[in-house]
Every structure is written in structure tokens, then in C-alpha cells.
Amino acid sequence: DVLIVGGGINGAVSAAALAAKGVKVALIDKGDFAGFTSSNSSNLA
């Protein structure tokens, strides 16, 4: 149903939300999951 390109925070929550609601989802990332911006924050929310 949906191909998600990117496994940072935006792609991760998109995949989690859609898959839980019964959508057939694929997700790919050219590096590791959270391998770029999402692993270099201040760890603050």
C-alpha cells in the first residue's frame, strides 16, 4: 500500500502508525535506521 523511504523519526512513526492500522507497508533507508539527524539530537523532547 505504501513505500516509506527514510527510517528517521518521521519515517519510523509513519511506518508504526500505518502498519498498526492494517496498511501493507514497506520501509527502506540507505543507511541504518535513525542513522543521520535522528541520532544526533540533544535527547530532549
All heavy atoms as atom14 arrays in JSON, in Angstrom:
{
  "sequence": "DVLIVGGGINGAVSAAALAAKGVKVALIDKGDFAGFTSSNSSNLA",
  "atom14_mask": [
    [1, 1, 1, 1, 1, 1, 1, 1, 0, 0, 0, 0, 0, 0],
    [1, 1, 1, 1, 1, 1, 1, 0, 0, 0, 0, 0, 0, 0],
    [1, 1, 1, 1, 1, 1, 1, 1, 0, 0, 0, 0, 0, 0],
    [1, 1, 1, 1, 1, 1, 1, 1, 0, 0, 0, 0, 0, 0],
    [1, 1, 1, 1, 1, 1, 1, 0, 0, 0, 0, 0, 0, 0],
    [1, 1, 1, 1, 0, 0, 0, 0, 0, 0, 0, 0, 0, 0],
    [1, 1, 1, 1, 0, 0, 0, 0, 0, 0, 0, 0, 0, 0],
    [1, 1, 1, 1, 0, 0, 0, 0, 0, 0, 0, 0, 0, 0],
    [1, 1, 1, 1, 1, 1, 1, 1, 0, 0, 0, 0, 0, 0],
    [1, 1, 1, 1, 1, 1, 1, 1, 0, 0, 0, 0, 0, 0],
    [1, 1, 1, 1, 0, 0, 0, 0, 0, 0, 0, 0, 0, 0],
    [1, 1, 1, 1, 1, 0, 0, 0, 0, 0, 0, 0, 0, 0],
    [1, 1, 1, 1, 1, 1, 1, 0, 0, 0, 0, 0, 0, 0],
    [1, 1, 1, 1, 1, 1, 0, 0, 0, 0, 0, 0, 0, 0],
    [1, 1, 1, 1, 1, 0, 0, 0, 0, 0, 0, 0, 0, 0],
    [1, 1, 1, 1, 1, 0, 0, 0, 0, 0, 0, 0, 0, 0],
    [1, 1, 1, 1, 1, 0, 0, 0, 0, 0, 0, 0, 0, 0],
    [1, 1, 1, 1, 1, 1, 1, 1, 0, 0, 0, 0, 0, 0],
    [1, 1, 1, 1, 1, 0, 0, 0, 0, 0, 0, 0, 0, 0],
    [1, 1, 1, 1, 1, 0, 0, 0, 0, 0, 0, 0, 0, 0],
    [1, 1, 1, 1, 1, 1, 1, 1, 1, 0, 0, 0, 0, 0],
    [1, 1, 1, 1, 0, 0, 0, 0, 0, 0, 0, 0, 0, 0],
    [1, 1, 1, 1, 1, 1, 1, 0, 0, 0, 0, 0, 0, 0],
    [1, 1, 1, 1, 1, 1, 1, 1, 1, 0, 0, 0, 0, 0],
    [1, 1, 1, 1, 1, 1, 1, 0, 0, 0, 0, 0, 0, 0],
    [1, 1, 1, 1, 1, 0, 0, 0, 0, 0, 0, 0, 0, 0],
    [1, 1, 1, 1, 1, 1, 1, 1, 0, 0, 0, 0, 0, 0],
    [1, 1, 1, 1, 1, 1, 1, 1, 0, 0, 0, 0, 0, 0],
    [1, 1, 1, 1, 1, 1, 1, 1, 0, 0, 0, 0, 0, 0],
    [1, 1, 1, 1, 1, 1, 1, 1, 1, 0, 0, 0, 0, 0],
    [1, 1, 1, 1, 0, 0, 0, 0, 0, 0, 0, 0, 0, 0],
    [1, 1, 1, 1, 1, 1, 1, 1, 0, 0, 0, 0, 0, 0],
    [1, 1, 1, 1, 1, 1, 1, 1, 1, 1, 1, 0, 0, 0],
    [1, 1, 1, 1, 1, 0, 0, 0, 0, 0, 0, 0, 0, 0],
    [1, 1, 1, 1, 0, 0, 0, 0, 0, 0, 0, 0, 0, 0],
    [1, 1, 1, 1, 1, 1, 1, 1, 1, 1, 1, 0, 0, 0],
    [1, 1, 1, 1, 1, 1, 1, 0, 0, 0, 0, 0, 0, 0],
    [1, 1, 1, 1, 1, 1, 0, 0, 0, 0, 0, 0, 0, 0],
    [1, 1, 1, 1, 1, 1, 0, 0, 0, 0, 0, 0, 0, 0],
    [1, 1, 1, 1, 1, 1, 1, 1, 0, 0, 0, 0, 0, 0],
    [1, 1, 1, 1, 1, 1, 0, 0, 0, 0, 0, 0, 0, 0],
    [1, 1, 1, 1, 1, 1, 0, 0, 0, 0, 0, 0, 0, 0],
    [1, 1, 1, 1, 1, 1, 1, 1, 0, 0, 0, 0, 0, 0],
    [1, 1, 1, 1, 1, 1, 1, 1, 0, 0, 0, 0, 0, 0],
    [1, 1, 1, 1, 1, 0, 0, 0, 0, 0, 0, 0, 0, 0]
  ],
  "atom14_positions": [
    [[0.84, -1.2, 0.0], [0.0, 0.0, 0.0], [0.87, 1.25, 0.0], [0.6, 2.21, -0.72], [-0.91, 0.01, 1.23], [-1.98, -1.07, 1.18], [-2.48, -1.36, 0.07], [-2.3, -1.63, 2.24], [0.0, 0.0, 0.0], [0.0, 0.0, 0.0], [0.0, 0.0, 0.0], [0.0, 0.0, 0.0], [0.0, 0.0, 0.0], [0.0, 0.0, 0.0]],
    [[1.92, 1.22, 0.81], [2.78, 2.4, 0.97], [4.25, 1.96, 1.06], [4.57, 1.03, 1.81], [2.42, 3.19, 2.25], [3.37, 4.38, 2.44], [0.98, 3.67, 2.2], [0.0, 0.0, 0.0], [0.0, 0.0, 0.0], [0.0, 0.0, 0.0], [0.0, 0.0, 0.0], [0.0, 0.0, 0.0], [0.0, 0.0, 0.0], [0.0, 0.0, 0.0]],
    [[5.11, 2.64, 0.32], [6.55, 2.51, 0.5], [7.04, 3.79, 1.17], [6.82, 4.89, 0.67], [7.27, 2.35, -0.85], [8.81, 2.46, -0.8], [9.41, 1.37, 0.08], [9.41, 2.43, -2.2], [0.0, 0.0, 0.0], [0.0, 0.0, 0.0], [0.0, 0.0, 0.0], [0.0, 0.0, 0.0], [0.0, 0.0, 0.0], [0.0, 0.0, 0.0]],
    [[7.7, 3.63, 2.32], [8.28, 4.75, 3.05], [9.78, 4.74, 2.79], [10.44, 3.71, 3.0], [8.0, 4.65, 4.56], [6.49, 4.66, 4.82], [8.68, 5.79, 5.31], [6.11, 4.34, 6.26], [0.0, 0.0, 0.0], [0.0, 0.0, 0.0], [0.0, 0.0, 0.0], [0.0, 0.0, 0.0], [0.0, 0.0, 0.0], [0.0, 0.0, 0.0]],
    [[10.3, 5.86, 2.34], [11.74, 5.99, 2.11], [12.29, 6.86, 3.24], [11.94, 8.04, 3.35], [12.04, 6.62, 0.74], [13.55, 6.65, 0.49], [11.33, 5.86, -0.37], [0.0, 0.0, 0.0], [0.0, 0.0, 0.0], [0.0, 0.0, 0.0], [0.0, 0.0, 0.0], [0.0, 0.0, 0.0], [0.0, 0.0, 0.0], [0.0, 0.0, 0.0]],
    [[13.12, 6.27, 4.08], [13.69, 7.0, 5.21], [13.26, 6.41, 6.53], [12.06, 6.25, 6.79], [0.0, 0.0, 0.0], [0.0, 0.0, 0.0], [0.0, 0.0, 0.0], [0.0, 0.0, 0.0], [0.0, 0.0, 0.0], [0.0, 0.0, 0.0], [0.0, 0.0, 0.0], [0.0, 0.0, 0.0], [0.0, 0.0, 0.0], [0.0, 0.0, 0.0]],
    [[14.24, 6.08, 7.38], [13.96, 5.45, 8.66], [14.38, 6.29, 9.85], [14.76, 5.76, 10.9], [0.0, 0.0, 0.0], [0.0, 0.0, 0.0], [0.0, 0.0, 0.0], [0.0, 0.0, 0.0], [0.0, 0.0, 0.0], [0.0, 0.0, 0.0], [0.0, 0.0, 0.0], [0.0, 0.0, 0.0], [0.0, 0.0, 0.0], [0.0, 0.0, 0.0]],
    [[14.32, 7.63, 9.7], [14.49, 8.51, 10.86], [13.16, 8.62, 11.6], [12.25, 7.83, 11.4], [0.0, 0.0, 0.0], [0.0, 0.0, 0.0], [0.0, 0.0, 0.0], [0.0, 0.0, 0.0], [0.0, 0.0, 0.0], [0.0, 0.0, 0.0], [0.0, 0.0, 0.0], [0.0, 0.0, 0.0], [0.0, 0.0, 0.0], [0.0, 0.0, 0.0]],
    [[13.02, 9.63, 12.45], [11.82, 9.71, 13.28], [10.55, 9.85, 12.45], [9.54, 9.21, 12.74], [11.92, 10.86, 14.32], [10.74, 10.84, 15.29], [12.1, 12.21, 13.65], [10.58, 9.57, 16.08], [0.0, 0.0, 0.0], [0.0, 0.0, 0.0], [0.0, 0.0, 0.0], [0.0, 0.0, 0.0], [0.0, 0.0, 0.0], [0.0, 0.0, 0.0]],
    [[10.58, 10.65, 11.36], [9.36, 10.82, 10.56], [8.95, 9.53, 9.86], [7.77, 9.17, 9.83], [9.56, 11.94, 9.53], [9.62, 13.32, 10.15], [9.11, 13.54, 11.24], [10.26, 14.25, 9.47], [0.0, 0.0, 0.0], [0.0, 0.0, 0.0], [0.0, 0.0, 0.0], [0.0, 0.0, 0.0], [0.0, 0.0, 0.0], [0.0, 0.0, 0.0]],
    [[9.91, 8.81, 9.29], [9.59, 7.55, 8.64], [9.19, 6.48, 9.64], [8.28, 5.68, 9.38], [0.0, 0.0, 0.0], [0.0, 0.0, 0.0], [0.0, 0.0, 0.0], [0.0, 0.0, 0.0], [0.0, 0.0, 0.0], [0.0, 0.0, 0.0], [0.0, 0.0, 0.0], [0.0, 0.0, 0.0], [0.0, 0.0, 0.0], [0.0, 0.0, 0.0]],
    [[9.85, 6.47, 10.8], [9.57, 5.44, 11.81], [8.14, 5.55, 12.34], [7.43, 4.55, 12.45], [10.58, 5.56, 12.94], [0.0, 0.0, 0.0], [0.0, 0.0, 0.0], [0.0, 0.0, 0.0], [0.0, 0.0, 0.0], [0.0, 0.0, 0.0], [0.0, 0.0, 0.0], [0.0, 0.0, 0.0], [0.0, 0.0, 0.0], [0.0, 0.0, 0.0]],
    [[7.7, 6.78, 12.67], [6.33, 6.91, 13.2], [5.3, 6.7, 12.09], [4.21, 6.19, 12.36], [6.11, 8.27, 13.9], [6.97, 8.37, 15.14], [6.38, 9.44, 12.96], [0.0, 0.0, 0.0], [0.0, 0.0, 0.0], [0.0, 0.0, 0.0], [0.0, 0.0, 0.0], [0.0, 0.0, 0.0], [0.0, 0.0, 0.0], [0.0, 0.0, 0.0]],
    [[5.65, 7.06, 10.85], [4.72, 6.8, 9.74], [4.51, 5.3, 9.59], [3.38, 4.83, 9.43], [5.28, 7.39, 8.45], [5.43, 8.79, 8.53], [0.0, 0.0, 0.0], [0.0, 0.0, 0.0], [0.0, 0.0, 0.0], [0.0, 0.0, 0.0], [0.0, 0.0, 0.0], [0.0, 0.0, 0.0], [0.0, 0.0, 0.0], [0.0, 0.0, 0.0]],
    [[5.59, 4.54, 9.64], [5.5, 3.09, 9.5], [4.73, 2.47, 10.65], [3.87, 1.59, 10.46], [6.91, 2.48, 9.41], [0.0, 0.0, 0.0], [0.0, 0.0, 0.0], [0.0, 0.0, 0.0], [0.0, 0.0, 0.0], [0.0, 0.0, 0.0], [0.0, 0.0, 0.0], [0.0, 0.0, 0.0], [0.0, 0.0, 0.0], [0.0, 0.0, 0.0]],
    [[5.02, 2.92, 11.88], [4.36, 2.36, 13.05], [2.85, 2.63, 13.01], [2.03, 1.75, 13.3], [4.97, 2.93, 14.32], [0.0, 0.0, 0.0], [0.0, 0.0, 0.0], [0.0, 0.0, 0.0], [0.0, 0.0, 0.0], [0.0, 0.0, 0.0], [0.0, 0.0, 0.0], [0.0, 0.0, 0.0], [0.0, 0.0, 0.0], [0.0, 0.0, 0.0]],
    [[2.48, 3.86, 12.66], [1.06, 4.23, 12.63], [0.32, 3.45, 11.54], [-0.76, 2.89, 11.79], [0.91, 5.73, 12.39], [0.0, 0.0, 0.0], [0.0, 0.0, 0.0], [0.0, 0.0, 0.0], [0.0, 0.0, 0.0], [0.0, 0.0, 0.0], [0.0, 0.0, 0.0], [0.0, 0.0, 0.0], [0.0, 0.0, 0.0], [0.0, 0.0, 0.0]],
    [[0.89, 3.41, 10.34], [0.2, 2.76, 9.22], [0.12, 1.25, 9.4], [-0.94, 0.64, 9.17], [0.92, 3.1, 7.91], [0.85, 4.57, 7.47], [1.76, 4.81, 6.28], [-0.59, 4.97, 7.14], [0.0, 0.0, 0.0], [0.0, 0.0, 0.0], [0.0, 0.0, 0.0], [0.0, 0.0, 0.0], [0.0, 0.0, 0.0], [0.0, 0.0, 0.0]],
    [[1.22, 0.62, 9.8], [1.21, -0.83, 9.96], [0.22, -1.26, 11.04], [-0.5, -2.25, 10.88], [2.62, -1.33, 10.29], [0.0, 0.0, 0.0], [0.0, 0.0, 0.0], [0.0, 0.0, 0.0], [0.0, 0.0, 0.0], [0.0, 0.0, 0.0], [0.0, 0.0, 0.0], [0.0, 0.0, 0.0], [0.0, 0.0, 0.0], [0.0, 0.0, 0.0]],
    [[0.18, -0.52, 12.14], [-0.75, -0.86, 13.22], [-2.2, -0.74, 12.78], [-3.08, -1.44, 13.3], [-0.5, 0.03, 14.43], [0.0, 0.0, 0.0], [0.0, 0.0, 0.0], [0.0, 0.0, 0.0], [0.0, 0.0, 0.0], [0.0, 0.0, 0.0], [0.0, 0.0, 0.0], [0.0, 0.0, 0.0], [0.0, 0.0, 0.0], [0.0, 0.0, 0.0]],
    [[-2.47, 0.13, 11.82], [-3.83, 0.33, 11.34], [-4.18, -0.6, 10.18], [-5.23, -0.46, 9.55], [-4.02, 1.8, 10.94], [-3.91, 2.76, 12.13], [-3.97, 4.22, 11.7], [-3.73, 5.16, 12.86], [-4.77, 5.09, 13.9], [0.0, 0.0, 0.0], [0.0, 0.0, 0.0], [0.0, 0.0, 0.0], [0.0, 0.0, 0.0], [0.0, 0.0, 0.0]],
    [[-3.28, -1.55, 9.88], [-3.59, -2.57, 8.88], [-3.13, -2.28, 7.47], [-3.49, -3.01, 6.54], [0.0, 0.0, 0.0], [0.0, 0.0, 0.0], [0.0, 0.0, 0.0], [0.0, 0.0, 0.0], [0.0, 0.0, 0.0], [0.0, 0.0, 0.0], [0.0, 0.0, 0.0], [0.0, 0.0, 0.0], [0.0, 0.0, 0.0], [0.0, 0.0, 0.0]],
    [[-2.33, -1.24, 7.27], [-1.83, -0.9, 5.94], [-0.6, -1.76, 5.64], [0.23, -2.01, 6.52], [-1.45, 0.61, 5.88], [-0.88, 0.98, 4.52], [-2.69, 1.46, 6.2], [0.0, 0.0, 0.0], [0.0, 0.0, 0.0], [0.0, 0.0, 0.0], [0.0, 0.0, 0.0], [0.0, 0.0, 0.0], [0.0, 0.0, 0.0], [0.0, 0.0, 0.0]],
    [[-0.48, -2.23, 4.41], [0.7, -3.01, 3.99], [1.84, -2.03, 3.69], [1.77, -1.29, 2.71], [0.37, -3.86, 2.77], [-0.56, -5.03, 3.04], [-0.97, -5.73, 1.75], [0.22, -6.28, 1.01], [-0.19, -7.0, -0.24], [0.0, 0.0, 0.0], [0.0, 0.0, 0.0], [0.0, 0.0, 0.0], [0.0, 0.0, 0.0], [0.0, 0.0, 0.0]],
    [[2.86, -2.06, 4.53], [3.91, -1.03, 4.5], [5.27, -1.67, 4.25], [5.59, -2.72, 4.8], [3.96, -0.25, 5.83], [5.04, 0.82, 5.8], [2.61, 0.37, 6.15], [0.0, 0.0, 0.0], [0.0, 0.0, 0.0], [0.0, 0.0, 0.0], [0.0, 0.0, 0.0], [0.0, 0.0, 0.0], [0.0, 0.0, 0.0], [0.0, 0.0, 0.0]],
    [[6.07, -1.0, 3.43], [7.5, -1.31, 3.3], [8.27, -0.05, 3.67], [7.81, 1.07, 3.42], [7.85, -1.75, 1.89], [0.0, 0.0, 0.0], [0.0, 0.0, 0.0], [0.0, 0.0, 0.0], [0.0, 0.0, 0.0], [0.0, 0.0, 0.0], [0.0, 0.0, 0.0], [0.0, 0.0, 0.0], [0.0, 0.0, 0.0], [0.0, 0.0, 0.0]],
    [[9.44, -0.23, 4.28], [10.29, 0.92, 4.63], [11.74, 0.57, 4.32], [12.2, -0.51, 4.66], [10.14, 1.27, 6.12], [10.96, 2.47, 6.62], [10.21, 3.22, 7.71], [12.33, 2.06, 7.14], [0.0, 0.0, 0.0], [0.0, 0.0, 0.0], [0.0, 0.0, 0.0], [0.0, 0.0, 0.0], [0.0, 0.0, 0.0], [0.0, 0.0, 0.0]],
    [[12.43, 1.5, 3.66], [13.84, 1.33, 3.38], [14.61, 2.57, 3.82], [14.05, 3.68, 3.86], [14.12, 1.05, 1.88], [13.6, 2.19, 1.0], [13.53, -0.29, 1.46], [13.95, 2.05, -0.48], [0.0, 0.0, 0.0], [0.0, 0.0, 0.0], [0.0, 0.0, 0.0], [0.0, 0.0, 0.0], [0.0, 0.0, 0.0], [0.0, 0.0, 0.0]],
    [[15.87, 2.4, 4.16], [16.76, 3.51, 4.47], [18.12, 3.2, 3.89], [18.61, 2.08, 4.0], [16.85, 3.72, 5.98], [17.51, 5.04, 6.34], [18.73, 5.2, 6.06], [16.84, 5.92, 6.9], [0.0, 0.0, 0.0], [0.0, 0.0, 0.0], [0.0, 0.0, 0.0], [0.0, 0.0, 0.0], [0.0, 0.0, 0.0], [0.0, 0.0, 0.0]],
    [[18.74, 4.2, 3.28], [20.02, 3.96, 2.62], [21.15, 3.68, 3.61], [22.2, 3.15, 3.25], [20.4, 5.14, 1.74], [20.76, 6.41, 2.5], [21.2, 7.5, 1.53], [21.6, 8.78, 2.27], [22.05, 9.83, 1.34], [0.0, 0.0, 0.0], [0.0, 0.0, 0.0], [0.0, 0.0, 0.0], [0.0, 0.0, 0.0], [0.0, 0.0, 0.0]],
    [[20.95, 4.04, 4.87], [21.9, 3.72, 5.94], [21.18, 2.92, 7.01], [20.26, 2.16, 6.73], [0.0, 0.0, 0.0], [0.0, 0.0, 0.0], [0.0, 0.0, 0.0], [0.0, 0.0, 0.0], [0.0, 0.0, 0.0], [0.0, 0.0, 0.0], [0.0, 0.0, 0.0], [0.0, 0.0, 0.0], [0.0, 0.0, 0.0], [0.0, 0.0, 0.0]],
    [[21.59, 3.13, 8.25], [20.89, 2.46, 9.35], [19.69, 3.29, 9.77], [19.6, 4.49, 9.49], [21.84, 2.27, 10.53], [21.24, 1.4, 11.63], [20.38, 0.56, 11.32], [21.64, 1.57, 12.8], [0.0, 0.0, 0.0], [0.0, 0.0, 0.0], [0.0, 0.0, 0.0], [0.0, 0.0, 0.0], [0.0, 0.0, 0.0], [0.0, 0.0, 0.0]],
    [[18.74, 2.65, 10.44], [17.6, 3.37, 11.0], [18.12, 4.43, 11.98], [19.03, 4.17, 12.77], [16.66, 2.41, 11.72], [16.23, 1.24, 10.89], [16.48, -0.06, 11.31], [15.57, 1.42, 9.68], [16.09, -1.15, 10.55], [15.18, 0.34, 8.91], [15.45, -0.96, 9.35], [0.0, 0.0, 0.0], [0.0, 0.0, 0.0], [0.0, 0.0, 0.0]],
    [[17.54, 5.62, 11.92], [17.96, 6.74, 12.77], [19.44, 7.03, 12.6], [20.11, 7.45, 13.55], [17.63, 6.48, 14.24], [0.0, 0.0, 0.0], [0.0, 0.0, 0.0], [0.0, 0.0, 0.0], [0.0, 0.0, 0.0], [0.0, 0.0, 0.0], [0.0, 0.0, 0.0], [0.0, 0.0, 0.0], [0.0, 0.0, 0.0], [0.0, 0.0, 0.0]],
    [[19.96, 6.82, 11.4], [21.39, 6.92, 11.18], [21.92, 8.3, 10.9], [23.12, 8.47, 10.74], [0.0, 0.0, 0.0], [0.0, 0.0, 0.0], [0.0, 0.0, 0.0], [0.0, 0.0, 0.0], [0.0, 0.0, 0.0], [0.0, 0.0, 0.0], [0.0, 0.0, 0.0], [0.0, 0.0, 0.0], [0.0, 0.0, 0.0], [0.0, 0.0, 0.0]],
    [[21.03, 9.31, 10.87], [21.51, 10.64, 10.5], [21.03, 11.66, 11.54], [21.44, 11.6, 12.69], [21.04, 10.98, 9.07], [22.01, 11.82, 8.3], [23.16, 11.27, 7.78], [21.78, 13.17, 8.1], [24.08, 12.05, 7.08], [22.66, 13.96, 7.4], [23.82, 13.4, 6.88], [0.0, 0.0, 0.0], [0.0, 0.0, 0.0], [0.0, 0.0, 0.0]],
    [[20.14, 12.55, 11.18], [19.69, 13.59, 12.12], [19.1, 12.99, 13.39], [19.33, 13.51, 14.49], [18.66, 14.51, 11.44], [19.3, 15.22, 10.37], [18.07, 15.51, 12.41], [0.0, 0.0, 0.0], [0.0, 0.0, 0.0], [0.0, 0.0, 0.0], [0.0, 0.0, 0.0], [0.0, 0.0, 0.0], [0.0, 0.0, 0.0], [0.0, 0.0, 0.0]],
    [[18.35, 11.9, 13.28], [17.62, 11.35, 14.42], [18.53, 10.7, 15.47], [18.03, 10.26, 16.5], [16.58, 10.34, 13.95], [15.55, 10.98, 13.22], [0.0, 0.0, 0.0], [0.0, 0.0, 0.0], [0.0, 0.0, 0.0], [0.0, 0.0, 0.0], [0.0, 0.0, 0.0], [0.0, 0.0, 0.0], [0.0, 0.0, 0.0], [0.0, 0.0, 0.0]],
    [[19.83, 10.63, 15.2], [20.75, 10.1, 16.22], [21.74, 11.16, 16.68], [22.75, 10.84, 17.29], [21.5, 8.88, 15.69], [22.2, 9.18, 14.5], [0.0, 0.0, 0.0], [0.0, 0.0, 0.0], [0.0, 0.0, 0.0], [0.0, 0.0, 0.0], [0.0, 0.0, 0.0], [0.0, 0.0, 0.0], [0.0, 0.0, 0.0], [0.0, 0.0, 0.0]],
    [[21.43, 12.42, 16.41], [22.36, 13.5, 16.78], [21.67, 14.67, 17.46], [22.12, 15.81, 17.36], [23.11, 13.99, 15.53], [24.13, 12.98, 15.04], [25.12, 12.71, 15.71], [23.88, 12.4, 13.87], [0.0, 0.0, 0.0], [0.0, 0.0, 0.0], [0.0, 0.0, 0.0], [0.0, 0.0, 0.0], [0.0, 0.0, 0.0], [0.0, 0.0, 0.0]],
    [[20.57, 14.4, 18.16], [19.83, 15.46, 18.84], [20.39, 15.68, 20.24], [21.35, 15.02, 20.67], [18.36, 15.08, 18.93], [18.16, 14.1, 19.94], [0.0, 0.0, 0.0], [0.0, 0.0, 0.0], [0.0, 0.0, 0.0], [0.0, 0.0, 0.0], [0.0, 0.0, 0.0], [0.0, 0.0, 0.0], [0.0, 0.0, 0.0], [0.0, 0.0, 0.0]],
    [[19.76, 16.58, 20.99], [20.13, 16.82, 22.38], [19.48, 15.83, 23.33], [19.63, 15.94, 24.55], [19.75, 18.25, 22.8], [20.43, 19.21, 22.04], [0.0, 0.0, 0.0], [0.0, 0.0, 0.0], [0.0, 0.0, 0.0], [0.0, 0.0, 0.0], [0.0, 0.0, 0.0], [0.0, 0.0, 0.0], [0.0, 0.0, 0.0], [0.0, 0.0, 0.0]],
    [[18.72, 14.87, 22.79], [17.96, 13.9, 23.6], [16.9, 14.59, 24.46], [16.51, 14.09, 25.51], [18.87, 13.06, 24.5], [19.58, 11.96, 23.75], [19.24, 11.65, 22.6], [20.58, 11.35, 24.37], [0.0, 0.0, 0.0], [0.0, 0.0, 0.0], [0.0, 0.0, 0.0], [0.0, 0.0, 0.0], [0.0, 0.0, 0.0], [0.0, 0.0, 0.0]],
    [[16.44, 15.74, 24.0], [15.4, 16.47, 24.72], [14.1, 16.45, 23.92], [14.12, 16.52, 22.7], [15.83, 17.92, 24.96], [17.13, 18.13, 25.73], [17.5, 19.61, 25.76], [17.02, 17.58, 27.14], [0.0, 0.0, 0.0], [0.0, 0.0, 0.0], [0.0, 0.0, 0.0], [0.0, 0.0, 0.0], [0.0, 0.0, 0.0], [0.0, 0.0, 0.0]],
    [[13.0, 16.32, 24.62], [11.68, 16.45, 24.0], [10.99, 17.58, 24.74], [10.54, 17.41, 25.86], [10.89, 15.15, 24.11], [0.0, 0.0, 0.0], [0.0, 0.0, 0.0], [0.0, 0.0, 0.0], [0.0, 0.0, 0.0], [0.0, 0.0, 0.0], [0.0, 0.0, 0.0], [0.0, 0.0, 0.0], [0.0, 0.0, 0.0], [0.0, 0.0, 0.0]]
  ]
}
